[in-house]
Amino acid sequence: MKLPPGHVPGLVSQHKATAYGGFGQKMLEKMGWAKGQGLGKEKDGMKEAIEVKKKEDTLGVGADAPTWKL
């Protein structure tokens, strides 16, 4: 696996992902999409990428907080 420039083993990476420039953008551009346009046939769909957030807790996916006690 290729590590990013400035990577220090044992430290959590501080690299912040961007919403543009990846595989998905290249694929959409091949189909005629341009940055700033909406998605869909009429180009009136989503215009912004979905933000990804890292899950830091041990709860299940979709759980807000435990409502039960042991």
C-alpha atoms as a PDB file:
ATOM      1  CA  MET A   1       0.000   0.000   0.000  1.00  0.00           C
ATOM      2  CA  LYS A   2       1.354   3.408  -0.946  1.00  0.00           C
ATOM      3  CA  LEU A   3       1.367   5.865   1.955  1.00  0.00           C
ATOM      4  CA  PRO A   4       0.714   9.600   1.504  1.00  0.00           C
ATOM      5  CA  PRO A   5       3.635  12.047   1.624  1.00  0.00           C
ATOM      6  CA  GLY A   6       4.573  13.043   5.176  1.00  0.00           C
ATOM      7  CA  HIS A   7       3.043   9.910   6.729  1.00  0.00           C
ATOM      8  CA  VAL A   8       4.455   9.089  10.164  1.00  0.00           C
ATOM      9  CA  PRO A   9       3.913   5.476  11.302  1.00  0.00           C
ATOM     10  CA  GLY A  10       1.774   5.226  14.429  1.00  0.00           C
ATOM     11  CA  LEU A  11       0.136   8.627  14.043  1.00  0.00           C
ATOM     12  CA  VAL A  12      -3.402   9.096  12.770  1.00  0.00           C
ATOM     13  CA  SER A  13      -3.351  10.712   9.353  1.00  0.00           C
ATOM     14  CA  GLN A  14      -4.404  14.355   9.279  1.00  0.00           C
ATOM     15  CA  HIS A  15      -5.166  14.194   5.539  1.00  0.00           C
ATOM     16  CA  LYS A  16      -8.627  15.567   4.861  1.00  0.00           C
ATOM     17  CA  ALA A  17     -10.495  14.018   1.960  1.00  0.00           C
ATOM     18  CA  THR A  18     -12.070  16.312  -0.597  1.00  0.00           C
ATOM     19  CA  ALA A  19     -15.447  15.804  -2.201  1.00  0.00           C
ATOM     20  CA  TYR A  20     -14.069  16.207  -5.710  1.00  0.00           C
ATOM     21  CA  GLY A  21     -11.371  14.690  -7.851  1.00  0.00           C
ATOM     22  CA  GLY A  22     -11.861  10.981  -7.281  1.00  0.00           C
ATOM     23  CA  PHE A  23     -13.022   8.017  -9.305  1.00  0.00           C
ATOM     24  CA  GLY A  24     -16.693   9.068  -9.141  1.00  0.00           C
ATOM     25  CA  GLN A  25     -16.013  12.523 -10.553  1.00  0.00           C
ATOM     26  CA  LYS A  26     -13.992  11.107 -13.450  1.00  0.00           C
ATOM     27  CA  MET A  27     -16.750   8.611 -14.225  1.00  0.00           C
ATOM     28  CA  LEU A  28     -19.434  11.340 -14.197  1.00  0.00           C
ATOM     29  CA  GLU A  29     -17.341  13.629 -16.410  1.00  0.00           C
ATOM     30  CA  LYS A  30     -17.059  10.850 -19.005  1.00  0.00           C
ATOM     31  CA  MET A  31     -20.874  10.831 -19.077  1.00  0.00           C
ATOM     32  CA  GLY A  32     -21.085  14.597 -19.685  1.00  0.00           C
ATOM     33  CA  TRP A  33     -21.357  15.972 -16.159  1.00  0.00           C
ATOM     34  CA  ALA A  34     -19.471  19.164 -15.171  1.00  0.00           C
ATOM     35  CA  LYS A  35     -18.650  20.473 -11.698  1.00  0.00           C
ATOM     36  CA  GLY A  36     -21.531  22.582 -10.375  1.00  0.00           C
ATOM     37  CA  GLN A  37     -24.229  20.820 -12.414  1.00  0.00           C
ATOM     38  CA  GLY A  38     -26.978  18.804 -10.793  1.00  0.00           C
ATOM     39  CA  LEU A  39     -27.342  15.080 -11.324  1.00  0.00           C
ATOM     40  CA  GLY A  40     -30.006  13.405 -13.435  1.00  0.00           C
ATOM     41  CA  LYS A  41     -31.558  13.710 -16.878  1.00  0.00           C
ATOM     42  CA  GLU A  42     -32.752  17.291 -16.298  1.00  0.00           C
ATOM     43  CA  LYS A  43     -29.595  18.204 -14.301  1.00  0.00           C
ATOM     44  CA  ASP A  44     -31.787  19.294 -11.378  1.00  0.00           C
ATOM     45  CA  GLY A  45     -30.626  16.708  -8.830  1.00  0.00           C
ATOM     46  CA  MET A  46     -27.942  16.830  -6.134  1.00  0.00           C
ATOM     47  CA  LYS A  47     -25.195  19.388  -6.713  1.00  0.00           C
ATOM     48  CA  GLU A  48     -23.046  18.725  -3.640  1.00  0.00           C
ATOM     49  CA  ALA A  49     -21.244  15.531  -2.690  1.00  0.00           C
ATOM     50  CA  ILE A  50     -22.382  13.620   0.388  1.00  0.00           C
ATOM     51  CA  GLU A  51     -20.073  14.303   3.325  1.00  0.00           C
ATOM     52  CA  VAL A  52     -18.541  11.200   4.856  1.00  0.00           C
ATOM     53  CA  LYS A  53     -18.042  11.096   8.622  1.00  0.00           C
ATOM     54  CA  LYS A  54     -15.871   8.547  10.417  1.00  0.00           C
ATOM     55  CA  LYS A  55     -17.718   6.543  13.060  1.00  0.00           C
ATOM     56  CA  GLU A  56     -15.744   6.824  16.314  1.00  0.00           C
ATOM     57  CA  ASP A  57     -18.015   4.998  18.797  1.00  0.00           C
ATOM     58  CA  THR A  58     -18.814   1.332  19.385  1.00  0.00           C
ATOM     59  CA  LEU A  59     -22.562   1.598  18.777  1.00  0.00           C
ATOM     60  CA  GLY A  60     -24.179  -0.102  15.814  1.00  0.00           C
ATOM     61  CA  VAL A  61     -24.684   1.716  12.532  1.00  0.00           C
ATOM     62  CA  GLY A  62     -27.699   4.008  12.796  1.00  0.00           C
ATOM     63  CA  ALA A  63     -27.825   3.960  16.619  1.00  0.00           C
ATOM     64  CA  ASP A  64     -27.954   7.339  18.363  1.00  0.00           C
ATOM     65  CA  ALA A  65     -27.241   6.360  21.949  1.00  0.00           C
ATOM     66  CA  PRO A  66     -27.918   3.359  24.144  1.00  0.00           C
ATOM     67  CA  THR A  67     -31.382   3.590  25.699  1.00  0.00           C
ATOM     68  CA  TRP A  68     -30.905   0.557  27.945  1.00  0.00           C
ATOM     69  CA  LYS A  69     -28.838   0.023  31.070  1.00  0.00           C
ATOM     70  CA  LEU A  70     -27.098  -3.090  32.322  1.00  0.00           C
END
